[in-house]
Structure formats: structure tokens, C-alpha cells
Amino acid sequence: MNQASIPSKIPFTPTSTYESFKPQPWLPIEEYPDPLLYPELPSKPRSPNFSENYTLSTHIVPAAYPRFTPETPLPEIHPFTGNSTERMTQISELAENILRKRYAHDERELVGERDQKIYWHCINRYARKEPSGTGITLFLAHASGFPKETWEATLRTLSASAAGPLIEEIWAWEAIQHGDSALLNARTLGGMYDWADNARDIVNFLLNYMPDELCASLPTGLPRVPAAVSKAREKRGFLKRTLVAVGHSFGGATSALAALNFPNLFSSLILVDPMITPPAKPDVLSQTPSLLSSISRRDKWSSREEAKSMFQKSPFFSRWHPDILDLYVAFGLADDPAGGVRLKTSGLQEALVYANSRRRVPGEVWQDIEKLDPRITLRWAGPGETGLGISVPGSFAVLAWRRPVNASNILIEGAGHLVVQEQPVKLADEIATFLLHEYGSGGSMFKSLL
């Protein structure tokens, strides 16, 4: 590790008083009681479109078992009858019911056995054709509503940078209700989701399914590593990998939660405007609008061309880098058996992700991030556009100093909360700067072992 800290953009900002609370305990990950039959890939294999120096393969792994939440039926959305007022009333009631049930779960008022269904993850693996021997592995965790492929605009610039040769392998994660993972789980997704399960799913993959080292080829369905290997990773980390996790928003909060509970797996964390916020009491009124927006969103079009044309006319998409919009159209949509195309991540499933209260994972990580193993280098990347971050203005500045040891921060100019979508090139430049500082000449190639 380089001894001199990388410079920070935001000066020290102290934390104001907040109401602390007892986080919910980590739920241990168990092996599935029965043998697993892996599904087939839902999308055709392809070559990476960002660099000739990498190969691309897509893999399937099971999710953590059991789930944190009880098995909950999927809420029913009634067909639109043509009455807009009636439709909005129905959606508002649905959103409020989702939130109230979610809050009841957080307060341990909801009874029922934990969900024991089998869920699957699709993960993209980008492997360098000519490894440099650094062992550096990037793990990328997306924000709510975005498929794993939207990272490829950032990877294009990053792979061509001076830091590119340092990166031997990249794994782009996808949560169970997103992208191709959502297609695999279409018949099993239920009506409640806890962010802690995404953290548990990440840990399950890193502990039990990530291969020991870079391999030329891997099976589509990754086999579980021996129990002794998993135990060794938990105690000492990876022997032949240096893991750098990059998490955006939801992916940032859940990656941080994973690192808090299993620090030896991680060498560094780059958290991109993560959804880590001061603990707050459940508030249906403040959270309902985001759920309404997701549930009422249009999710079907006659073609990808029509979908892209409509996206280009939307203020929401207007800030996006054009390459990101192309990736979203290509990989965020699936052919609909009824004709046309539809979103892989449904509006309802996105709403169920948004329904997590700020007193749960976002607040827990805010409270506990100061306890993160000081060995793990922490880099905060926030929005450069004032007032367009995930929380109230100024909160990122406080967050960036919640754990001052071995940490630094940067603001991505021209970006709001959707840094990956709006400024992928600038984000790539900052990741490259960080990697060169931490792992370039004079840095440690295997910092996770120190």
C-alpha cells in the first residue's frame, strides 16, 4: 500500500448528532439442502464491446439461502381501465401497503418463515487475455434499476487507461430482480426484498463461488468451492486475488455492508454516491413518491427503436451519456413473448427495492462504517452537481468523513446521483487514478494479504 494518502476534494466535515439504534444481526448463509439444477443463460453469449484485451463470459450462481424476509406473495397490479384517477388511487394504495408491510418486517412485527426458494444471479466476467500477474480483480455492483452491462461505458475508458494493465479480471454483479437475473427468477420473485440479502448474495459469491484465480475458461454454472477454501477466505481473504469493489447507490451500500461483515475479502472499496444515509424513522409519505414513479412507469414498447426514441425525449434520460443509453436499450430490455420488448427489471420489482427504509441497511451502514477494518482503503466518489445527490445537500460531505482512517474522497464534476450513467468517462478516470495510486509502481499488489 502506498503510504501517502490520495488527496481528497472535500475537507473534513464532522458528523452531527443522530439517533443511534441496534442494527439487525447478520443472517448466516447456509448450503441449500438439496442439489441444485442450474438454469440456462437467458441471453446469448457475446464479445465485450469495450476492449479487445478482454474476453467476456456470463455465469450463474445461486443466491444466499435462506432469505432474510419471509416468503411474501407478489402484489397484484390491476389492469388499466382507462380511468387515470382510479389508476393513480390504486397505485398509491399499493405503494403504501408495500411500505407498511416493509416497515412491519423491519420492526420484527411480521411473522412467517424465511423465504427458502431458490434464486439465481447472472454475472458478467471480463478476463484479460494476457494477465499481468497483479491479481487485481474488480467487483462492480450496480444501482437500483440498472443492468450489469451499464458498467461497460466506464470499463471502455478504464481498460484503455494507464491502470488498464493492472486489472486482470472484472466481475459485474446483478441482483436477483435486475437484468438477466430477473429473467431467471421471473417465476419466483416475491413481494418483499431486503437490501441485506444483496449483501449476503455478494458474500455468498465471493466466499463460495468465485474461482481461486484467473482461468482461461469457466463453466457457465460456477461450482461451489470446497468448504475449507471458503473458511480460509473468511479468515485470510483471497490467496491469489486483490479484490477492489466498486459499488453505486444500492450497490455501494450493500457492498459496504458485505465488507463490514467479511472484511478479509476486500482490499479496497470505491463507493459511488452510495445509498448510505443517517438513520431515519419510517416515513410512508416521504418514500411513496419513488415507489409511485417505479410502479407507474411504462415497461413495454413495440421495439427497441421506439423505446430509445421515447427515452431520448424524457428529461430523466437526457443527462445520460449516449453510450449508457445504448447499453440500457440493448441489455435493459428483453423480447416480450407477446410481441415487442419490455423492461427486464419490472417497475414493481424496482419499487420493492426502493421500499427498504432508511433505518435498515442505509442507516445501519451509516452508523457502522466507522468500524470498517482500517486495512481496507476507502474511496468515496460523490456527485459534483450540488443538490443532485441521493440525499440533502451536504450529507455526502459528512458521509465521506464518517470513517476518516485510510479514506479519501472525490467529486465527479457534471454528475448527479447517477454518476455511472451521466459521467462514465470521468468516473473511469477517477478509478484509474485510484488504482494507480494504490496498486501501481510502489503500491502493494497483494494488499489483501497484509
Protein backbone atom coordinates (compact mmCIF):
# COMPACT_ATOMS: atom_id res chain seq x y z
CA MET A 1 0.00 0.00 0.00
CA ASN A 2 1.23 3.49 -0.79
CA GLN A 3 1.75 5.33 2.49
CA ALA A 4 0.78 8.80 1.26
CA SER A 5 -2.98 9.24 1.11
CA ILE A 6 -4.55 10.15 -2.19
CA PRO A 7 -5.85 13.76 -1.99
CA SER A 8 -9.45 14.48 -1.02
CA LYS A 9 -11.74 17.03 -2.61
CA ILE A 10 -14.00 17.57 0.41
CA PRO A 11 -12.41 18.97 3.59
CA PHE A 12 -13.11 17.34 6.92
CA THR A 13 -16.81 17.56 7.79
CA PRO A 14 -17.91 16.36 11.25
CA THR A 15 -20.99 14.25 11.87
CA SER A 16 -23.85 15.98 13.60
CA THR A 17 -25.83 14.23 16.32
CA TYR A 18 -28.12 11.43 15.17
CA GLU A 19 -30.27 8.82 16.91
CA SER A 20 -28.35 5.55 17.05
CA PHE A 21 -30.05 2.17 17.04
CA LYS A 22 -29.22 -1.53 17.19
CA PRO A 23 -28.67 -2.99 13.69
CA GLN A 24 -30.27 -6.28 12.79
CA PRO A 25 -27.79 -9.15 13.09
CA TRP A 26 -26.17 -10.74 10.04
CA LEU A 27 -28.10 -13.82 8.91
CA PRO A 28 -25.71 -16.76 8.34
CA ILE A 29 -25.58 -18.25 4.85
CA GLU A 30 -26.48 -21.93 4.68
CA GLU A 31 -25.99 -24.51 1.97
CA TYR A 32 -29.10 -25.47 0.02
CA PRO A 33 -30.48 -28.71 1.45
CA ASP A 34 -30.98 -30.29 -1.99
CA PRO A 35 -28.74 -30.48 -5.08
CA LEU A 36 -29.15 -27.50 -7.42
CA LEU A 37 -30.08 -27.75 -11.08
CA TYR A 38 -28.59 -24.71 -12.78
CA PRO A 39 -30.77 -22.93 -15.36
CA GLU A 40 -29.60 -21.96 -18.83
CA LEU A 41 -28.42 -18.45 -19.66
CA PRO A 42 -31.34 -16.22 -20.63
CA SER A 43 -29.27 -14.20 -23.16
CA LYS A 44 -26.91 -15.24 -25.94
CA PRO A 45 -23.13 -15.10 -25.37
CA ARG A 46 -21.31 -12.16 -26.95
CA SER A 47 -17.91 -10.50 -27.10
CA PRO A 48 -17.11 -7.46 -24.94
CA ASN A 49 -17.74 -4.23 -26.81
CA PHE A 50 -15.31 -2.09 -24.84
CA SER A 51 -11.89 -3.70 -25.33
CA GLU A 52 -10.10 -6.29 -27.44
CA ASN A 53 -7.88 -7.12 -24.46
CA TYR A 54 -10.64 -8.90 -22.55
CA THR A 55 -12.86 -11.91 -23.08
CA LEU A 56 -16.44 -11.93 -21.82
CA SER A 57 -18.31 -14.84 -20.31
CA THR A 58 -21.54 -14.85 -18.33
CA HIS A 59 -22.02 -17.10 -15.32
CA ILE A 60 -24.77 -18.22 -12.99
CA VAL A 61 -24.56 -18.68 -9.22
CA PRO A 62 -27.25 -19.34 -6.61
CA ALA A 63 -28.29 -16.63 -4.19
CA ALA A 64 -27.75 -16.83 -0.43
CA TYR A 65 -30.01 -19.25 1.44
CA PRO A 66 -32.34 -18.73 3.21
CA ARG A 67 -33.59 -15.19 2.54
CA PHE A 68 -33.83 -12.50 5.19
CA THR A 69 -37.50 -11.83 4.51
CA PRO A 70 -40.46 -14.18 4.81
CA GLU A 71 -41.99 -15.60 1.66
CA THR A 72 -44.41 -12.90 0.52
CA PRO A 73 -46.85 -13.04 -2.43
CA LEU A 74 -46.23 -10.61 -5.27
CA PRO A 75 -48.68 -7.68 -5.04
CA GLU A 76 -51.29 -7.59 -7.77
CA ILE A 77 -51.48 -4.61 -10.12
CA HIS A 78 -54.92 -4.33 -11.67
CA PRO A 79 -55.12 -3.72 -15.46
CA PHE A 80 -55.58 -0.11 -16.51
CA THR A 81 -59.26 0.54 -17.25
CA GLY A 82 -58.82 3.96 -18.84
CA ASN A 83 -59.64 5.94 -15.69
CA SER A 84 -56.40 7.74 -14.76
CA THR A 85 -57.69 8.95 -11.38
CA GLU A 86 -58.77 5.48 -10.39
CA ARG A 87 -55.44 4.10 -11.59
CA MET A 88 -53.41 6.55 -9.52
CA THR A 89 -55.50 5.78 -6.43
CA GLN A 90 -54.87 2.06 -6.87
CA ILE A 91 -51.12 2.55 -7.32
CA SER A 92 -50.93 4.90 -4.32
CA GLU A 93 -52.69 2.34 -2.14
CA LEU A 94 -50.38 -0.38 -3.44
CA ALA A 95 -47.27 1.69 -2.69
CA GLU A 96 -48.44 2.49 0.83
CA ASN A 97 -49.28 -1.17 1.52
CA ILE A 98 -45.83 -2.23 0.32
CA LEU A 99 -44.17 0.28 2.62
CA ARG A 100 -46.28 -0.54 5.67
CA LYS A 101 -45.61 -4.26 5.27
CA ARG A 102 -41.92 -3.50 4.78
CA TYR A 103 -41.78 -1.38 7.94
CA ALA A 104 -43.57 -4.12 9.88
CA HIS A 105 -40.84 -6.52 8.81
CA ASP A 106 -38.12 -4.10 9.92
CA GLU A 107 -39.74 -3.79 13.34
CA ARG A 108 -39.99 -7.61 13.58
CA GLU A 109 -43.79 -7.39 13.62
CA LEU A 110 -44.24 -9.52 10.51
CA VAL A 111 -44.37 -13.24 11.25
CA GLY A 112 -43.63 -16.08 8.89
CA GLU A 113 -40.87 -18.47 7.91
CA ARG A 114 -37.93 -17.12 5.94
CA ASP A 115 -38.18 -17.42 2.18
CA GLN A 116 -36.45 -20.67 1.15
CA LYS A 117 -36.97 -20.52 -2.60
CA ILE A 118 -34.01 -20.80 -4.97
CA TYR A 119 -32.88 -17.57 -6.63
CA TRP A 120 -30.13 -17.07 -9.20
CA HIS A 121 -27.64 -14.39 -10.21
CA CYS A 122 -26.23 -13.69 -13.67
CA ILE A 123 -22.72 -12.23 -13.51
CA ASN A 124 -20.55 -10.97 -16.36
CA ARG A 125 -16.87 -11.89 -16.18
CA TYR A 126 -14.34 -9.90 -18.19
CA ALA A 127 -10.95 -11.64 -18.17
CA ARG A 128 -7.74 -10.12 -19.50
CA LYS A 129 -6.29 -12.17 -22.37
CA GLU A 130 -2.71 -11.52 -21.27
CA PRO A 131 -2.67 -11.32 -17.45
CA SER A 132 -0.08 -9.03 -15.88
CA GLY A 133 0.27 -11.03 -12.68
CA THR A 134 -1.13 -8.32 -10.40
CA GLY A 135 -4.09 -10.37 -9.22
CA ILE A 136 -6.30 -7.27 -9.17
CA THR A 137 -9.98 -8.15 -9.53
CA LEU A 138 -12.72 -5.53 -9.85
CA PHE A 139 -16.16 -6.33 -8.48
CA LEU A 140 -18.88 -3.99 -9.78
CA ALA A 141 -22.25 -3.60 -8.03
CA HIS A 142 -24.98 -1.61 -9.82
CA ALA A 143 -27.57 0.90 -8.65
CA SER A 144 -31.30 0.09 -8.43
CA GLY A 145 -32.94 -0.31 -11.81
CA PHE A 146 -29.85 -0.85 -13.96
CA PRO A 147 -28.46 -3.98 -15.61
CA LYS A 148 -24.86 -5.11 -15.10
CA GLU A 149 -23.90 -4.11 -18.66
CA THR A 150 -24.23 -0.37 -17.97
CA TRP A 151 -20.75 -0.52 -16.43
CA GLU A 152 -19.26 -1.16 -19.87
CA ALA A 153 -19.10 2.54 -20.76
CA THR A 154 -16.89 3.09 -17.71
CA LEU A 155 -14.86 -0.03 -18.49
CA ARG A 156 -14.12 1.19 -22.01
CA THR A 157 -12.23 4.20 -20.69
CA LEU A 158 -10.77 2.37 -17.71
CA SER A 159 -9.37 -0.52 -19.76
CA ALA A 160 -7.64 1.93 -22.14
CA SER A 161 -6.09 3.95 -19.29
CA ALA A 162 -2.67 3.51 -17.71
CA ALA A 163 -4.39 1.48 -14.99
CA GLY A 164 -5.87 -0.96 -17.51
CA PRO A 165 -2.98 -3.47 -17.44
CA LEU A 166 -3.30 -3.72 -13.64
CA ILE A 167 -6.80 -5.22 -13.91
CA GLU A 168 -6.75 -8.95 -14.55
CA GLU A 169 -10.42 -9.72 -14.10
CA ILE A 170 -13.73 -7.88 -13.71
CA TRP A 171 -16.96 -9.32 -12.33
CA ALA A 172 -20.13 -7.27 -12.97
CA TRP A 173 -22.76 -8.25 -10.42
CA GLU A 174 -26.52 -8.33 -10.97
CA ALA A 175 -29.08 -8.51 -8.14
CA ILE A 176 -31.86 -11.11 -8.31
CA GLN A 177 -34.57 -8.76 -9.69
CA HIS A 178 -32.36 -6.96 -12.21
CA GLY A 179 -31.46 -7.63 -15.83
CA ASP A 180 -30.82 -11.24 -16.81
CA SER A 181 -31.06 -12.30 -13.17
CA ALA A 182 -34.67 -11.09 -13.19
CA LEU A 183 -35.37 -13.26 -16.24
CA LEU A 184 -34.00 -16.32 -14.42
CA ASN A 185 -36.11 -15.53 -11.32
CA ALA A 186 -39.27 -14.37 -13.08
CA ARG A 187 -41.43 -17.14 -11.61
CA THR A 188 -40.06 -16.96 -8.07
CA LEU A 189 -39.65 -13.26 -7.25
CA GLY A 190 -41.92 -12.30 -4.39
CA GLY A 191 -43.40 -9.21 -2.81
CA MET A 192 -40.68 -8.19 -0.36
CA TYR A 193 -36.94 -7.57 -0.63
CA ASP A 194 -34.29 -6.68 1.93
CA TRP A 195 -31.04 -5.00 0.90
CA ALA A 196 -29.25 -7.19 3.40
CA ASP A 197 -29.91 -10.08 1.04
CA ASN A 198 -27.96 -8.38 -1.75
CA ALA A 199 -25.03 -8.04 0.67
CA ARG A 200 -25.45 -11.70 1.66
CA ASP A 201 -25.63 -12.69 -2.02
CA ILE A 202 -22.39 -10.80 -2.70
CA VAL A 203 -20.67 -12.52 0.21
CA ASN A 204 -22.05 -15.90 -0.88
CA PHE A 205 -20.49 -15.43 -4.32
CA LEU A 206 -17.14 -14.18 -3.03
CA LEU A 207 -16.82 -16.81 -0.32
CA ASN A 208 -18.27 -19.83 -2.03
CA TYR A 209 -18.26 -19.43 -5.81
CA MET A 210 -15.57 -17.04 -7.07
CA PRO A 211 -12.73 -19.12 -8.60
CA ASP A 212 -9.41 -19.09 -6.78
CA GLU A 213 -7.58 -17.38 -9.63
CA LEU A 214 -7.89 -16.21 -13.22
CA CYS A 215 -8.73 -19.13 -15.52
CA ALA A 216 -8.86 -19.25 -19.29
CA SER A 217 -12.37 -20.70 -19.23
CA LEU A 218 -15.04 -21.46 -16.65
CA PRO A 219 -18.33 -23.36 -16.71
CA THR A 220 -21.49 -21.27 -17.04
CA GLY A 221 -22.77 -22.52 -13.72
CA LEU A 222 -19.96 -21.86 -11.26
CA PRO A 223 -19.41 -24.76 -8.85
CA ARG A 224 -19.22 -24.22 -5.11
CA VAL A 225 -15.64 -24.23 -3.84
CA PRO A 226 -14.68 -26.70 -1.06
CA ALA A 227 -15.75 -25.70 2.44
CA ALA A 228 -12.10 -25.45 3.53
CA VAL A 229 -11.48 -22.83 0.83
CA SER A 230 -14.49 -20.78 1.96
CA LYS A 231 -13.29 -20.89 5.56
CA ALA A 232 -9.78 -19.83 4.53
CA ARG A 233 -11.17 -16.91 2.54
CA GLU A 234 -13.24 -15.76 5.51
CA LYS A 235 -10.19 -15.77 7.76
CA ARG A 236 -7.42 -14.64 5.40
CA GLY A 237 -9.04 -13.38 2.20
CA PHE A 238 -8.08 -14.50 -1.29
CA LEU A 239 -4.64 -16.01 -1.79
CA LYS A 240 -4.28 -15.03 -5.44
CA ARG A 241 -6.63 -12.08 -5.80
CA THR A 242 -6.69 -8.47 -4.66
CA LEU A 243 -10.37 -7.52 -4.64
CA VAL A 244 -11.43 -3.94 -5.33
CA ALA A 245 -15.20 -3.43 -5.09
CA VAL A 246 -16.90 -0.53 -6.88
CA GLY A 247 -20.49 -0.01 -5.76
CA HIS A 248 -23.01 2.59 -6.93
CA SER A 249 -26.01 3.70 -4.81
CA PHE A 250 -27.81 0.48 -3.73
CA GLY A 251 -24.75 -1.48 -4.84
CA GLY A 252 -22.49 0.79 -2.79
CA ALA A 253 -24.49 0.39 0.41
CA THR A 254 -24.72 -3.39 0.10
CA SER A 255 -21.04 -3.78 -0.85
CA ALA A 256 -20.14 -1.78 2.26
CA LEU A 257 -22.36 -3.98 4.41
CA ALA A 258 -20.64 -7.04 2.97
CA ALA A 259 -17.22 -5.55 3.78
CA LEU A 260 -18.26 -4.66 7.31
CA ASN A 261 -19.15 -8.29 7.98
CA PHE A 262 -16.44 -10.03 5.93
CA PRO A 263 -13.56 -7.52 5.74
CA ASN A 264 -10.85 -10.02 4.77
CA LEU A 265 -12.42 -10.46 1.34
CA PHE A 266 -11.82 -6.83 0.39
CA SER A 267 -8.71 -4.80 -0.34
CA SER A 268 -10.45 -1.54 -1.30
CA LEU A 269 -13.93 -0.07 -1.65
CA ILE A 270 -14.86 2.64 -4.15
CA LEU A 271 -18.34 3.83 -3.17
CA VAL A 272 -20.08 5.93 -5.80
CA ASP A 273 -22.72 8.14 -4.15
CA PRO A 274 -23.83 5.12 -2.12
CA MET A 275 -27.28 4.96 -0.60
CA ILE A 276 -25.84 5.30 2.91
CA THR A 277 -27.86 7.82 4.90
CA PRO A 278 -28.37 8.89 8.51
CA PRO A 279 -30.84 6.60 10.31
CA ALA A 280 -34.39 7.86 10.00
CA LYS A 281 -37.72 6.63 11.27
CA PRO A 282 -40.03 5.02 8.67
CA ASP A 283 -42.00 7.63 6.76
CA VAL A 284 -44.61 6.47 4.27
CA LEU A 285 -45.23 9.97 2.90
CA SER A 286 -41.60 10.67 2.00
CA GLN A 287 -40.97 7.28 0.41
CA THR A 288 -44.22 6.82 -1.51
CA PRO A 289 -43.31 9.09 -4.49
CA SER A 290 -40.31 6.96 -5.53
CA LEU A 291 -42.45 3.84 -5.45
CA LEU A 292 -45.22 5.54 -7.43
CA SER A 293 -42.75 6.55 -10.11
CA SER A 294 -41.47 2.99 -10.48
CA ILE A 295 -44.82 1.19 -10.39
CA SER A 296 -46.47 3.53 -12.89
CA ARG A 297 -43.52 3.51 -15.32
CA ARG A 298 -44.16 2.27 -18.80
CA ASP A 299 -42.43 -1.08 -19.33
CA LYS A 300 -43.43 -2.26 -22.82
CA TRP A 301 -42.74 -0.95 -26.33
CA SER A 302 -43.22 -2.20 -29.86
CA SER A 303 -39.47 -2.26 -30.50
CA ARG A 304 -36.11 -1.17 -29.10
CA GLU A 305 -36.17 1.68 -31.59
CA GLU A 306 -39.45 3.00 -30.19
CA ALA A 307 -38.19 2.61 -26.64
CA LYS A 308 -34.98 4.51 -27.38
CA SER A 309 -36.89 7.28 -29.14
CA MET A 310 -39.13 7.76 -26.10
CA PHE A 311 -36.19 7.61 -23.69
CA GLN A 312 -34.44 10.36 -25.64
CA LYS A 313 -37.45 12.62 -25.15
CA SER A 314 -37.51 12.10 -21.38
CA PRO A 315 -35.82 14.62 -19.02
CA PHE A 316 -34.73 11.68 -16.84
CA PHE A 317 -32.63 10.17 -19.62
CA SER A 318 -31.43 13.47 -21.06
CA ARG A 319 -28.47 13.67 -18.65
CA TRP A 320 -27.20 10.23 -19.56
CA HIS A 321 -24.08 9.62 -21.62
CA PRO A 322 -25.22 8.36 -25.07
CA ASP A 323 -23.25 5.12 -24.70
CA ILE A 324 -25.13 4.34 -21.49
CA LEU A 325 -28.48 4.82 -23.19
CA ASP A 326 -27.42 2.43 -25.95
CA LEU A 327 -26.35 -0.15 -23.36
CA TYR A 328 -29.62 0.27 -21.45
CA VAL A 329 -31.68 -0.26 -24.60
CA ALA A 330 -29.59 -3.26 -25.62
CA PHE A 331 -29.40 -5.01 -22.25
CA GLY A 332 -32.08 -3.49 -20.03
CA LEU A 333 -34.85 -4.68 -22.36
CA ALA A 334 -35.90 -8.21 -23.31
CA ASP A 335 -38.01 -9.56 -26.13
CA ASP A 336 -41.60 -9.93 -24.94
CA PRO A 337 -43.25 -13.28 -25.83
CA ALA A 338 -46.42 -11.29 -26.57
CA GLY A 339 -44.53 -9.11 -29.05
CA GLY A 340 -42.28 -6.08 -28.78
CA VAL A 341 -39.89 -5.54 -25.88
CA ARG A 342 -40.20 -4.97 -22.14
CA LEU A 343 -38.01 -3.94 -19.22
CA LYS A 344 -36.12 -6.84 -17.66
CA THR A 345 -36.44 -5.16 -14.26
CA SER A 346 -40.14 -4.53 -13.76
CA GLY A 347 -41.37 -1.31 -12.20
CA LEU A 348 -42.92 -3.29 -9.35
CA GLN A 349 -39.68 -5.09 -8.51
CA GLU A 350 -37.78 -1.80 -8.63
CA ALA A 351 -40.37 -0.35 -6.22
CA LEU A 352 -39.83 -3.27 -3.83
CA VAL A 353 -36.11 -2.42 -3.80
CA TYR A 354 -36.89 1.24 -3.07
CA ALA A 355 -39.21 0.20 -0.23
CA ASN A 356 -36.30 -0.51 2.12
CA SER A 357 -36.42 2.00 4.94
CA ARG A 358 -33.50 4.25 5.80
CA ARG A 359 -33.47 2.74 9.25
CA ARG A 360 -32.43 -0.58 7.74
CA VAL A 361 -29.29 -1.09 5.59
CA PRO A 362 -28.66 2.57 4.61
CA GLY A 363 -28.84 3.68 8.25
CA GLU A 364 -27.00 0.64 9.59
CA VAL A 365 -24.04 1.20 7.28
CA TRP A 366 -24.02 4.94 8.07
CA GLN A 367 -23.80 4.11 11.74
CA ASP A 368 -21.21 1.32 11.43
CA ILE A 369 -18.97 2.46 8.58
CA GLU A 370 -16.58 4.00 11.11
CA LYS A 371 -15.90 0.40 12.27
CA LEU A 372 -14.76 -0.74 8.83
CA ASP A 373 -11.43 -2.57 9.02
CA PRO A 374 -8.79 0.19 8.70
CA ARG A 375 -6.81 -2.06 6.36
CA ILE A 376 -9.48 -1.57 3.67
CA THR A 377 -8.80 1.54 1.61
CA LEU A 378 -11.99 3.55 1.17
CA ARG A 379 -12.58 5.97 -1.70
CA TRP A 380 -15.80 7.99 -1.83
CA ALA A 381 -16.95 9.31 -5.22
CA GLY A 382 -19.78 11.83 -4.94
CA PRO A 383 -21.87 13.92 -7.33
CA GLY A 384 -20.30 17.18 -8.42
CA GLU A 385 -23.67 18.79 -9.14
CA THR A 386 -24.95 20.46 -5.98
CA GLY A 387 -28.32 19.17 -4.82
CA LEU A 388 -28.47 16.24 -7.27
CA GLY A 389 -27.09 13.57 -4.94
CA ILE A 390 -29.03 10.87 -3.15
CA SER A 391 -29.71 12.94 -0.03
CA VAL A 392 -29.95 16.50 1.18
CA PRO A 393 -27.12 18.86 0.14
CA GLY A 394 -24.09 18.44 2.35
CA SER A 395 -24.83 14.90 3.53
CA PHE A 396 -22.25 13.33 1.23
CA ALA A 397 -19.60 15.58 2.73
CA VAL A 398 -20.44 14.20 6.17
CA LEU A 399 -20.58 10.62 4.90
CA ALA A 400 -17.16 10.95 3.26
CA TRP A 401 -15.63 11.57 6.70
CA ARG A 402 -17.60 9.04 8.74
CA ARG A 403 -14.52 6.79 8.58
CA PRO A 404 -11.51 9.11 8.18
CA VAL A 405 -8.77 6.46 8.53
CA ASN A 406 -7.33 5.23 5.20
CA ALA A 407 -10.04 7.07 3.28
CA SER A 408 -10.30 9.81 0.67
CA ASN A 409 -12.96 11.38 -1.48
CA ILE A 410 -13.60 12.97 -4.86
CA LEU A 411 -16.49 14.75 -6.57
CA ILE A 412 -17.36 13.80 -10.16
CA GLU A 413 -17.95 17.07 -11.98
CA GLY A 414 -21.11 17.27 -14.04
CA ALA A 415 -22.75 14.30 -12.33
CA GLY A 416 -25.81 14.00 -10.15
CA HIS A 417 -26.62 10.84 -8.24
CA LEU A 418 -26.47 8.69 -11.39
CA VAL A 419 -22.72 9.09 -11.74
CA VAL A 420 -22.26 5.85 -13.70
CA GLN A 421 -24.95 6.83 -16.19
CA GLU A 422 -24.10 10.53 -16.54
CA GLN A 423 -20.31 10.70 -16.36
CA PRO A 424 -18.86 7.23 -17.06
CA VAL A 425 -15.66 8.64 -18.59
CA LYS A 426 -14.87 10.89 -15.63
CA LEU A 427 -15.68 8.08 -13.22
CA ALA A 428 -13.30 5.78 -15.12
CA ASP A 429 -10.56 8.41 -14.89
CA GLU A 430 -11.01 8.62 -11.12
CA ILE A 431 -11.00 4.84 -10.70
CA ALA A 432 -7.82 4.68 -12.79
CA THR A 433 -6.17 7.35 -10.64
CA PHE A 434 -7.07 5.42 -7.51
CA LEU A 435 -5.83 2.07 -8.84
CA LEU A 436 -2.52 3.54 -9.99
CA HIS A 437 -2.01 5.20 -6.61
CA GLU A 438 -2.87 2.11 -4.58
CA TYR A 439 -1.60 -0.70 -6.78
CA GLY A 440 0.74 0.82 -9.35
CA SER A 441 4.51 1.07 -9.13
CA GLY A 442 5.39 1.20 -5.45
CA GLY A 443 1.94 0.05 -4.34
CA SER A 444 1.10 -3.37 -2.98
CA MET A 445 -0.03 -5.98 -5.49
CA PHE A 446 -1.49 -8.19 -2.80
CA LYS A 447 -2.67 -5.71 -0.21
CA SER A 448 -5.43 -8.06 0.91
CA LEU A 449 -2.77 -10.33 2.41
CA LEU A 450 -1.13 -7.67 4.56
